[in-house]
Each structure stands twice: as C-alpha cells, then as structure tokens.
Amino acid sequence: MRPFAGRLRHAALQANNQPTMTLKPTPDSWPPQRRSFSRICFLGDAFTASAGDETALGWVGRLAAGEWARGHDVTTYNLGIRGDSTRGLLKRWRAECEARLPAAANGRLVFAFGGNDAKEVVGQGLDVPLAESLDNARALMSAAAAWKPTLWIGLIPMSDIKPYPQLLAGPQFRFSNARQAKYNNAYAGLAAELGIPFLDLHTQLLGDPDWERMTQAGDGSNPAAEGYARLAHLIAQWPAWRRWFDQAR
C-alpha cells in the first residue's frame, strides 16, 4: 500500500486527468417570461380543501394550473379546513395570510364559505345562525378587502337526496339547499354593500341535473374530480377573476 502522501499525490493526478466540466451559459430566454406574478390565499371549508377529489387538485389547483398555462406565475396557498365556519375563519384568516403574503408580494385573497354555517347539527340546531353568520362575514370581508384585493365565492349547492356521511365520531349534520340559498342571498347583498365581487354559484348550479349527478358521484356534500373541474371552469371565466390576470402588466 502506498504511504499516505503517495496516495494523496495519486488521487490528485487522477483528478487532474478527469474530463473538464464546463457550464453552459444561461440562455437569454431564461427565466421564462411571465405575464404576472401573484400569491393567492384561498380560504374556506371542505370545498376549498378539495375534499372528495380523488385527484387531490380541487378547484384551487385546477384554477392555478389554468393561469400558469396562460403565462401567469401563481403561487397558491390552500387554507381550506373541512367543517370550518365563519367563526373559525374570523379567528384564523389574518395570521395565516400574513405569514404567506409579505408586503412586497402581489398578494390576493379568495374566500368561499358558508356551507357549514348553514348546516343543521342534529339535536342542536344550526351551526351558525344567519344573523351571526352575517356579522362574522361583515367583520371578515371588510377587513380582508381593506388589506388586499379580495374575491368572494358564494355557497355551493349540495345533494338534498344523498345523506351526508358521518366520517368521524360526533354529531350528525343535515344540509338544506333552501336554507343555504338564504345564506347565499344574504352574503350577496353584503358583498354588494361592501363593494366586493361575489360569484353566485349557488343560484347557477342549483337544479342543474349535471351538478346533481356530480354531487351524487361524490359523498353528497363534496363532488369528485369532475365536479371540481366544473367549479374551476366557472370561476376561471368569472370577469372579476379574469381582471386579476388579463389586465396584468
């Protein structure tokens, strides 16, 4: 065996005999040109969190992918929580968003909530009565809109036929589209008062046989992938959403 110093010289000679690696110059087209850069927090409940979607994309993931395909660099933060109501959102939204949207970023907010406020907790009554829900929504949305550009998506109709599955131990829930319509209409009125763009998906999808089939394909509350793709398509065409990107410079 060579002495230690000899082994070092041998290793150095071998290293010197290796082919030289050269770095290719960065092309002038790198990084790819983007039409806009934005960070968007999506806040809501199971529909936002893509519950029931076997692809795990939900409408949030599909919506962002569509804007990437149009040349926009979009960073999404999915802050949906299954079962969350306006009570929970009111407590958590600002801290969660401030951690993700620094002042220098082109930060934006999209809210979609209300289904859990309007649900009946069997044996206990409504989760969040309408008057309280409106008070919570007013405090939540007025603060959000004063801080960042904000969009508001209304309730999404569920199946009135298929019972909601009890996935965890605890209370049972009942949903009613007629009751949800009351919350949705009240939210729409509040949004108009506050000057926040509001997308009324509830009126658009309620009674639509295709949407009913899509909810039936899921668990009766949350649709499967096809339903989330439908939601993403509808939101992507919303003029208020399009203005965030089509007018970007």
C-alpha atoms as a PDB file:
ATOM      1  CA  MET A   1       0.000   0.000   0.000  1.00  0.00           C
ATOM      2  CA  ARG A   2       1.288   3.461  -0.849  1.00  0.00           C
ATOM      3  CA  PRO A   3       2.239   5.745   2.007  1.00  0.00           C
ATOM      4  CA  PHE A   4      -0.396   8.356   2.853  1.00  0.00           C
ATOM      5  CA  ALA A   5       1.434  11.152   0.975  1.00  0.00           C
ATOM      6  CA  GLY A   6       1.730   8.893  -2.070  1.00  0.00           C
ATOM      7  CA  ARG A   7      -1.975   8.159  -2.034  1.00  0.00           C
ATOM      8  CA  LEU A   8      -2.717  11.871  -1.956  1.00  0.00           C
ATOM      9  CA  ARG A   9      -0.456  12.505  -4.992  1.00  0.00           C
ATOM     10  CA  HIS A  10      -2.080   9.587  -6.864  1.00  0.00           C
ATOM     11  CA  ALA A  11      -5.585  10.952  -6.149  1.00  0.00           C
ATOM     12  CA  ALA A  12      -4.554  14.418  -7.308  1.00  0.00           C
ATOM     13  CA  LEU A  13      -3.153  13.032 -10.571  1.00  0.00           C
ATOM     14  CA  GLN A  14      -6.366  11.089 -11.175  1.00  0.00           C
ATOM     15  CA  ALA A  15      -8.457  14.201 -10.517  1.00  0.00           C
ATOM     16  CA  ASN A  16      -6.350  16.213 -12.935  1.00  0.00           C
ATOM     17  CA  ASN A  17      -6.848  13.606 -15.646  1.00  0.00           C
ATOM     18  CA  GLN A  18     -10.680  13.737 -15.404  1.00  0.00           C
ATOM     19  CA  PRO A  19     -12.563  15.462 -18.252  1.00  0.00           C
ATOM     20  CA  THR A  20     -13.174  19.122 -17.552  1.00  0.00           C
ATOM     21  CA  MET A  21     -16.836  20.017 -16.891  1.00  0.00           C
ATOM     22  CA  THR A  22     -17.993  23.298 -18.342  1.00  0.00           C
ATOM     23  CA  LEU A  23     -21.193  25.125 -17.513  1.00  0.00           C
ATOM     24  CA  LYS A  24     -23.317  26.154 -20.435  1.00  0.00           C
ATOM     25  CA  PRO A  25     -24.217  29.829 -20.491  1.00  0.00           C
ATOM     26  CA  THR A  26     -27.720  30.690 -19.362  1.00  0.00           C
ATOM     27  CA  PRO A  27     -29.906  31.388 -22.391  1.00  0.00           C
ATOM     28  CA  ASP A  28     -31.245  34.887 -22.770  1.00  0.00           C
ATOM     29  CA  SER A  29     -34.772  33.469 -22.587  1.00  0.00           C
ATOM     30  CA  TRP A  30     -34.259  32.248 -19.009  1.00  0.00           C
ATOM     31  CA  PRO A  31     -36.141  32.600 -16.764  1.00  0.00           C
ATOM     32  CA  PRO A  32     -39.273  32.207 -18.875  1.00  0.00           C
ATOM     33  CA  GLN A  33     -41.181  35.427 -19.325  1.00  0.00           C
ATOM     34  CA  ARG A  34     -44.346  35.599 -17.229  1.00  0.00           C
ATOM     35  CA  ARG A  35     -47.242  37.962 -17.741  1.00  0.00           C
ATOM     36  CA  SER A  36     -47.759  38.406 -13.992  1.00  0.00           C
ATOM     37  CA  PHE A  37     -46.638  37.154 -10.586  1.00  0.00           C
ATOM     38  CA  SER A  38     -49.018  36.728  -7.680  1.00  0.00           C
ATOM     39  CA  ARG A  39     -49.525  34.936  -4.399  1.00  0.00           C
ATOM     40  CA  ILE A  40     -53.106  33.995  -3.602  1.00  0.00           C
ATOM     41  CA  CYS A  41     -54.560  32.676  -0.346  1.00  0.00           C
ATOM     42  CA  PHE A  42     -57.732  30.616  -0.767  1.00  0.00           C
ATOM     43  CA  LEU A  43     -59.770  30.443   2.439  1.00  0.00           C
ATOM     44  CA  GLY A  44     -62.799  28.306   3.102  1.00  0.00           C
ATOM     45  CA  ASP A  45     -64.018  24.866   4.056  1.00  0.00           C
ATOM     46  CA  ALA A  46     -64.093  21.371   2.506  1.00  0.00           C
ATOM     47  CA  PHE A  47     -64.887  22.666  -0.978  1.00  0.00           C
ATOM     48  CA  THR A  48     -61.741  24.778  -0.880  1.00  0.00           C
ATOM     49  CA  ALA A  49     -59.684  21.950   0.603  1.00  0.00           C
ATOM     50  CA  SER A  50     -60.741  19.677  -2.327  1.00  0.00           C
ATOM     51  CA  ALA A  51     -62.398  17.086  -0.087  1.00  0.00           C
ATOM     52  CA  GLY A  52     -63.653  14.124  -2.096  1.00  0.00           C
ATOM     53  CA  ASP A  53     -61.447  14.797  -5.138  1.00  0.00           C
ATOM     54  CA  GLU A  54     -59.535  11.645  -5.996  1.00  0.00           C
ATOM     55  CA  THR A  55     -57.001  13.711  -7.951  1.00  0.00           C
ATOM     56  CA  ALA A  56     -56.355  15.968  -4.922  1.00  0.00           C
ATOM     57  CA  LEU A  57     -56.409  19.038  -7.204  1.00  0.00           C
ATOM     58  CA  GLY A  58     -59.756  20.554  -6.316  1.00  0.00           C
ATOM     59  CA  TRP A  59     -60.900  23.762  -7.961  1.00  0.00           C
ATOM     60  CA  VAL A  60     -57.987  25.695  -6.466  1.00  0.00           C
ATOM     61  CA  GLY A  61     -55.321  23.511  -8.092  1.00  0.00           C
ATOM     62  CA  ARG A  62     -57.103  23.463 -11.447  1.00  0.00           C
ATOM     63  CA  LEU A  63     -57.664  27.209 -11.383  1.00  0.00           C
ATOM     64  CA  ALA A  64     -53.977  27.891 -10.726  1.00  0.00           C
ATOM     65  CA  ALA A  65     -52.888  25.429 -13.411  1.00  0.00           C
ATOM     66  CA  GLY A  66     -55.080  27.238 -15.918  1.00  0.00           C
ATOM     67  CA  GLU A  67     -53.401  30.561 -15.187  1.00  0.00           C
ATOM     68  CA  TRP A  68     -49.928  29.006 -15.441  1.00  0.00           C
ATOM     69  CA  ALA A  69     -50.927  27.775 -18.883  1.00  0.00           C
ATOM     70  CA  ARG A  70     -51.819  31.374 -19.773  1.00  0.00           C
ATOM     71  CA  GLY A  71     -48.352  32.558 -18.746  1.00  0.00           C
ATOM     72  CA  HIS A  72     -49.011  33.727 -15.174  1.00  0.00           C
ATOM     73  CA  ASP A  73     -46.780  32.738 -12.261  1.00  0.00           C
ATOM     74  CA  VAL A  74     -49.274  31.933  -9.495  1.00  0.00           C
ATOM     75  CA  THR A  75     -48.325  30.720  -6.023  1.00  0.00           C
ATOM     76  CA  THR A  76     -51.394  29.297  -4.267  1.00  0.00           C
ATOM     77  CA  TYR A  77     -51.931  28.729  -0.566  1.00  0.00           C
ATOM     78  CA  ASN A  78     -54.882  26.441   0.082  1.00  0.00           C
ATOM     79  CA  LEU A  79     -56.166  27.400   3.521  1.00  0.00           C
ATOM     80  CA  GLY A  80     -59.398  25.425   3.424  1.00  0.00           C
ATOM     81  CA  ILE A  81     -60.387  23.439   6.515  1.00  0.00           C
ATOM     82  CA  ARG A  82     -63.110  20.797   6.436  1.00  0.00           C
ATOM     83  CA  GLY A  83     -66.008  21.728   8.669  1.00  0.00           C
ATOM     84  CA  ASP A  84     -64.844  25.311   9.180  1.00  0.00           C
ATOM     85  CA  SER A  85     -67.400  28.080   9.602  1.00  0.00           C
ATOM     86  CA  THR A  86     -67.194  31.854   9.754  1.00  0.00           C
ATOM     87  CA  ARG A  87     -66.370  31.524  13.450  1.00  0.00           C
ATOM     88  CA  GLY A  88     -63.181  29.675  12.638  1.00  0.00           C
ATOM     89  CA  LEU A  89     -62.295  31.811   9.632  1.00  0.00           C
ATOM     90  CA  LEU A  90     -62.685  35.016  11.586  1.00  0.00           C
ATOM     91  CA  LYS A  91     -60.152  33.801  14.148  1.00  0.00           C
ATOM     92  CA  ARG A  92     -57.505  32.432  11.809  1.00  0.00           C
ATOM     93  CA  TRP A  93     -57.520  34.173   8.434  1.00  0.00           C
ATOM     94  CA  ARG A  94     -55.294  37.184   9.101  1.00  0.00           C
ATOM     95  CA  ALA A  95     -52.429  35.367  10.828  1.00  0.00           C
ATOM     96  CA  GLU A  96     -52.401  32.598   8.215  1.00  0.00           C
ATOM     97  CA  CYS A  97     -52.391  35.060   5.328  1.00  0.00           C
ATOM     98  CA  GLU A  98     -49.856  37.485   6.795  1.00  0.00           C
ATOM     99  CA  ALA A  99     -47.390  34.598   7.079  1.00  0.00           C
ATOM    100  CA  ARG A 100     -47.759  33.925   3.348  1.00  0.00           C
ATOM    101  CA  LEU A 101     -48.264  37.373   1.824  1.00  0.00           C
ATOM    102  CA  PRO A 102     -45.370  39.718   2.635  1.00  0.00           C
ATOM    103  CA  ALA A 103     -45.888  43.388   1.914  1.00  0.00           C
ATOM    104  CA  ALA A 104     -43.716  43.301  -1.215  1.00  0.00           C
ATOM    105  CA  ALA A 105     -45.689  40.425  -2.783  1.00  0.00           C
ATOM    106  CA  ASN A 106     -48.647  40.825  -5.120  1.00  0.00           C
ATOM    107  CA  GLY A 107     -50.915  39.236  -2.550  1.00  0.00           C
ATOM    108  CA  ARG A 108     -54.575  38.451  -3.107  1.00  0.00           C
ATOM    109  CA  LEU A 109     -57.412  36.728  -1.230  1.00  0.00           C
ATOM    110  CA  VAL A 110     -60.249  34.428  -2.330  1.00  0.00           C
ATOM    111  CA  PHE A 111     -62.926  33.390   0.176  1.00  0.00           C
ATOM    112  CA  ALA A 112     -65.527  30.633  -0.205  1.00  0.00           C
ATOM    113  CA  PHE A 113     -67.532  29.758   2.905  1.00  0.00           C
ATOM    114  CA  GLY A 114     -70.997  29.399   4.379  1.00  0.00           C
ATOM    115  CA  GLY A 115     -71.985  25.774   3.925  1.00  0.00           C
ATOM    116  CA  ASN A 116     -71.029  24.887   7.462  1.00  0.00           C
ATOM    117  CA  ASP A 117     -72.717  27.965   8.908  1.00  0.00           C
ATOM    118  CA  ALA A 118     -75.979  26.886   7.283  1.00  0.00           C
ATOM    119  CA  LYS A 119     -75.803  23.196   8.227  1.00  0.00           C
ATOM    120  CA  GLU A 120     -78.018  21.699  10.915  1.00  0.00           C
ATOM    121  CA  VAL A 121     -76.251  19.927  13.753  1.00  0.00           C
ATOM    122  CA  VAL A 122     -78.748  17.192  14.581  1.00  0.00           C
ATOM    123  CA  GLY A 123     -80.171  17.735  18.051  1.00  0.00           C
ATOM    124  CA  GLN A 124     -78.502  21.142  18.443  1.00  0.00           C
ATOM    125  CA  GLY A 125     -79.817  23.403  15.703  1.00  0.00           C
ATOM    126  CA  LEU A 126     -77.977  25.483  13.123  1.00  0.00           C
ATOM    127  CA  ASP A 127     -74.204  25.608  13.382  1.00  0.00           C
ATOM    128  CA  VAL A 128     -74.090  29.410  12.942  1.00  0.00           C
ATOM    129  CA  PRO A 129     -77.454  31.225  12.778  1.00  0.00           C
ATOM    130  CA  LEU A 130     -77.836  33.582   9.839  1.00  0.00           C
ATOM    131  CA  ALA A 131     -77.652  36.827  11.847  1.00  0.00           C
ATOM    132  CA  GLU A 132     -74.391  35.772  13.493  1.00  0.00           C
ATOM    133  CA  SER A 133     -73.027  34.466  10.210  1.00  0.00           C
ATOM    134  CA  LEU A 134     -73.667  37.839   8.571  1.00  0.00           C
ATOM    135  CA  ASP A 135     -71.973  39.689  11.438  1.00  0.00           C
ATOM    136  CA  ASN A 136     -68.951  37.389  11.124  1.00  0.00           C
ATOM    137  CA  ALA A 137     -68.873  37.769   7.342  1.00  0.00           C
ATOM    138  CA  ARG A 138     -69.051  41.562   7.585  1.00  0.00           C
ATOM    139  CA  ALA A 139     -66.110  41.714  10.010  1.00  0.00           C
ATOM    140  CA  LEU A 140     -64.133  39.178   7.989  1.00  0.00           C
ATOM    141  CA  MET A 141     -64.679  40.520   4.494  1.00  0.00           C
ATOM    142  CA  SER A 142     -64.460  44.222   5.270  1.00  0.00           C
ATOM    143  CA  ALA A 143     -61.074  43.696   6.942  1.00  0.00           C
ATOM    144  CA  ALA A 144     -59.871  41.469   4.100  1.00  0.00           C
ATOM    145  CA  ALA A 145     -60.885  43.897   1.361  1.00  0.00           C
ATOM    146  CA  ALA A 146     -59.241  46.790   3.191  1.00  0.00           C
ATOM    147  CA  TRP A 147     -55.970  44.837   3.268  1.00  0.00           C
ATOM    148  CA  LYS A 148     -55.668  43.033  -0.102  1.00  0.00           C
ATOM    149  CA  PRO A 149     -57.594  42.608  -3.362  1.00  0.00           C
ATOM    150  CA  THR A 150     -60.380  40.218  -2.410  1.00  0.00           C
ATOM    151  CA  LEU A 151     -62.897  37.986  -4.185  1.00  0.00           C
ATOM    152  CA  TRP A 152     -65.873  36.220  -2.604  1.00  0.00           C
ATOM    153  CA  ILE A 153     -67.380  32.970  -3.895  1.00  0.00           C
ATOM    154  CA  GLY A 154     -70.842  32.076  -2.656  1.00  0.00           C
ATOM    155  CA  LEU A 155     -72.163  28.778  -1.336  1.00  0.00           C
ATOM    156  CA  ILE A 156     -72.036  25.662  -3.486  1.00  0.00           C
ATOM    157  CA  PRO A 157     -75.217  23.547  -3.572  1.00  0.00           C
ATOM    158  CA  MET A 158     -75.121  20.021  -2.200  1.00  0.00           C
ATOM    159  CA  SER A 159     -77.269  16.976  -2.768  1.00  0.00           C
ATOM    160  CA  ASP A 160     -80.598  17.028  -0.927  1.00  0.00           C
ATOM    161  CA  ILE A 161     -81.058  13.348  -1.761  1.00  0.00           C
ATOM    162  CA  LYS A 162     -77.942  11.555  -0.612  1.00  0.00           C
ATOM    163  CA  PRO A 163     -77.437  11.764   3.168  1.00  0.00           C
ATOM    164  CA  TYR A 164     -74.240  13.350   4.371  1.00  0.00           C
ATOM    165  CA  PRO A 165     -71.830  10.618   5.535  1.00  0.00           C
ATOM    166  CA  GLN A 166     -70.738  10.592   9.160  1.00  0.00           C
ATOM    167  CA  LEU A 167     -66.979  10.242   8.634  1.00  0.00           C
ATOM    168  CA  LEU A 168     -65.933  10.884  12.228  1.00  0.00           C
ATOM    169  CA  ALA A 169     -67.397  10.153  15.624  1.00  0.00           C
ATOM    170  CA  GLY A 170     -69.512  13.042  16.829  1.00  0.00           C
ATOM    171  CA  PRO A 171     -72.667  14.898  15.820  1.00  0.00           C
ATOM    172  CA  GLN A 172     -74.552  14.274  12.615  1.00  0.00           C
ATOM    173  CA  PHE A 173     -75.221  17.013  10.078  1.00  0.00           C
ATOM    174  CA  ARG A 174     -78.040  17.841   7.703  1.00  0.00           C
ATOM    175  CA  PHE A 175     -77.759  20.223   4.765  1.00  0.00           C
ATOM    176  CA  SER A 176     -80.589  22.042   3.024  1.00  0.00           C
ATOM    177  CA  ASN A 177     -80.181  23.898  -0.248  1.00  0.00           C
ATOM    178  CA  ALA A 178     -83.233  26.023   0.549  1.00  0.00           C
ATOM    179  CA  ARG A 179     -81.561  27.155   3.769  1.00  0.00           C
ATOM    180  CA  GLN A 180     -78.233  27.596   2.016  1.00  0.00           C
ATOM    181  CA  ALA A 181     -79.923  29.849  -0.540  1.00  0.00           C
ATOM    182  CA  LYS A 182     -80.932  32.224   2.273  1.00  0.00           C
ATOM    183  CA  TYR A 183     -77.332  32.482   3.482  1.00  0.00           C
ATOM    184  CA  ASN A 184     -76.061  32.838  -0.074  1.00  0.00           C
ATOM    185  CA  ASN A 185     -78.502  35.643  -0.881  1.00  0.00           C
ATOM    186  CA  ALA A 186     -77.639  37.456   2.340  1.00  0.00           C
ATOM    187  CA  TYR A 187     -73.920  37.177   1.533  1.00  0.00           C
ATOM    188  CA  ALA A 188     -74.527  38.515  -1.973  1.00  0.00           C
ATOM    189  CA  GLY A 189     -76.287  41.559  -0.532  1.00  0.00           C
ATOM    190  CA  LEU A 190     -73.449  42.152   1.925  1.00  0.00           C
ATOM    191  CA  ALA A 191     -70.844  41.806  -0.817  1.00  0.00           C
ATOM    192  CA  ALA A 192     -72.649  44.419  -2.907  1.00  0.00           C
ATOM    193  CA  GLU A 193     -72.752  46.747   0.099  1.00  0.00           C
ATOM    194  CA  LEU A 194     -69.022  46.291   0.718  1.00  0.00           C
ATOM    195  CA  GLY A 195     -68.109  46.529  -2.957  1.00  0.00           C
ATOM    196  CA  ILE A 196     -66.553  43.057  -3.086  1.00  0.00           C
ATOM    197  CA  PRO A 197     -67.008  40.959  -6.275  1.00  0.00           C
ATOM    198  CA  PHE A 198     -69.286  37.999  -5.477  1.00  0.00           C
ATOM    199  CA  LEU A 199     -69.745  34.870  -7.599  1.00  0.00           C
ATOM    200  CA  ASP A 200     -73.180  33.311  -7.070  1.00  0.00           C
ATOM    201  CA  LEU A 201     -72.527  29.659  -7.853  1.00  0.00           C
ATOM    202  CA  HIS A 202     -75.477  28.509  -5.732  1.00  0.00           C
ATOM    203  CA  THR A 203     -78.123  30.030  -7.990  1.00  0.00           C
ATOM    204  CA  GLN A 204     -76.210  28.947 -11.093  1.00  0.00           C
ATOM    205  CA  LEU A 205     -75.836  25.289 -10.087  1.00  0.00           C
ATOM    206  CA  LEU A 206     -78.969  24.631  -8.043  1.00  0.00           C
ATOM    207  CA  GLY A 207     -81.328  22.423 -10.026  1.00  0.00           C
ATOM    208  CA  ASP A 208     -78.705  21.669 -12.659  1.00  0.00           C
ATOM    209  CA  PRO A 209     -79.043  17.918 -13.360  1.00  0.00           C
ATOM    210  CA  ASP A 210     -75.359  17.627 -14.274  1.00  0.00           C
ATOM    211  CA  TRP A 211     -74.326  19.186 -10.973  1.00  0.00           C
ATOM    212  CA  GLU A 212     -76.734  16.933  -9.077  1.00  0.00           C
ATOM    213  CA  ARG A 213     -75.128  13.941 -10.767  1.00  0.00           C
ATOM    214  CA  MET A 214     -71.658  15.209  -9.847  1.00  0.00           C
ATOM    215  CA  THR A 215     -72.570  15.600  -6.177  1.00  0.00           C
ATOM    216  CA  GLN A 216     -74.124  12.137  -6.219  1.00  0.00           C
ATOM    217  CA  ALA A 217     -70.842  10.804  -7.601  1.00  0.00           C
ATOM    218  CA  GLY A 218     -69.112  12.166  -4.518  1.00  0.00           C
ATOM    219  CA  ASP A 219     -70.328  11.871  -0.953  1.00  0.00           C
ATOM    220  CA  GLY A 220     -73.417  14.036  -1.432  1.00  0.00           C
ATOM    221  CA  SER A 221     -71.679  17.058   0.029  1.00  0.00           C
ATOM    222  CA  ASN A 222     -68.410  17.278  -1.864  1.00  0.00           C
ATOM    223  CA  PRO A 223     -68.176  16.178  -5.512  1.00  0.00           C
ATOM    224  CA  ALA A 224     -65.500  14.018  -7.080  1.00  0.00           C
ATOM    225  CA  ALA A 225     -62.926  15.278  -9.613  1.00  0.00           C
ATOM    226  CA  GLU A 226     -65.432  16.028 -12.385  1.00  0.00           C
ATOM    227  CA  GLY A 227     -67.362  18.367 -10.105  1.00  0.00           C
ATOM    228  CA  TYR A 228     -64.253  20.258  -9.050  1.00  0.00           C
ATOM    229  CA  ALA A 229     -63.269  20.650 -12.694  1.00  0.00           C
ATOM    230  CA  ARG A 230     -66.708  22.200 -13.332  1.00  0.00           C
ATOM    231  CA  LEU A 231     -66.206  24.657 -10.462  1.00  0.00           C
ATOM    232  CA  ALA A 232     -62.744  25.631 -11.702  1.00  0.00           C
ATOM    233  CA  HIS A 233     -64.124  26.249 -15.195  1.00  0.00           C
ATOM    234  CA  LEU A 234     -66.874  28.515 -13.876  1.00  0.00           C
ATOM    235  CA  ILE A 235     -64.528  30.516 -11.667  1.00  0.00           C
ATOM    236  CA  ALA A 236     -61.892  30.850 -14.397  1.00  0.00           C
ATOM    237  CA  GLN A 237     -64.465  32.598 -16.616  1.00  0.00           C
ATOM    238  CA  TRP A 238     -65.664  34.959 -13.877  1.00  0.00           C
ATOM    239  CA  PRO A 239     -64.915  38.526 -15.033  1.00  0.00           C
ATOM    240  CA  ALA A 240     -63.674  39.551 -11.568  1.00  0.00           C
ATOM    241  CA  TRP A 241     -61.158  36.697 -11.583  1.00  0.00           C
ATOM    242  CA  ARG A 242     -60.126  37.364 -15.168  1.00  0.00           C
ATOM    243  CA  ARG A 243     -59.413  41.017 -14.391  1.00  0.00           C
ATOM    244  CA  TRP A 244     -56.685  39.915 -11.974  1.00  0.00           C
ATOM    245  CA  PHE A 245     -54.786  38.380 -14.890  1.00  0.00           C
ATOM    246  CA  ASP A 246     -55.976  39.635 -18.261  1.00  0.00           C
ATOM    247  CA  GLN A 247     -55.212  43.243 -17.306  1.00  0.00           C
ATOM    248  CA  ALA A 248     -51.878  42.370 -15.670  1.00  0.00           C
ATOM    249  CA  ARG A 249     -48.773  44.155 -16.911  1.00  0.00           C
END
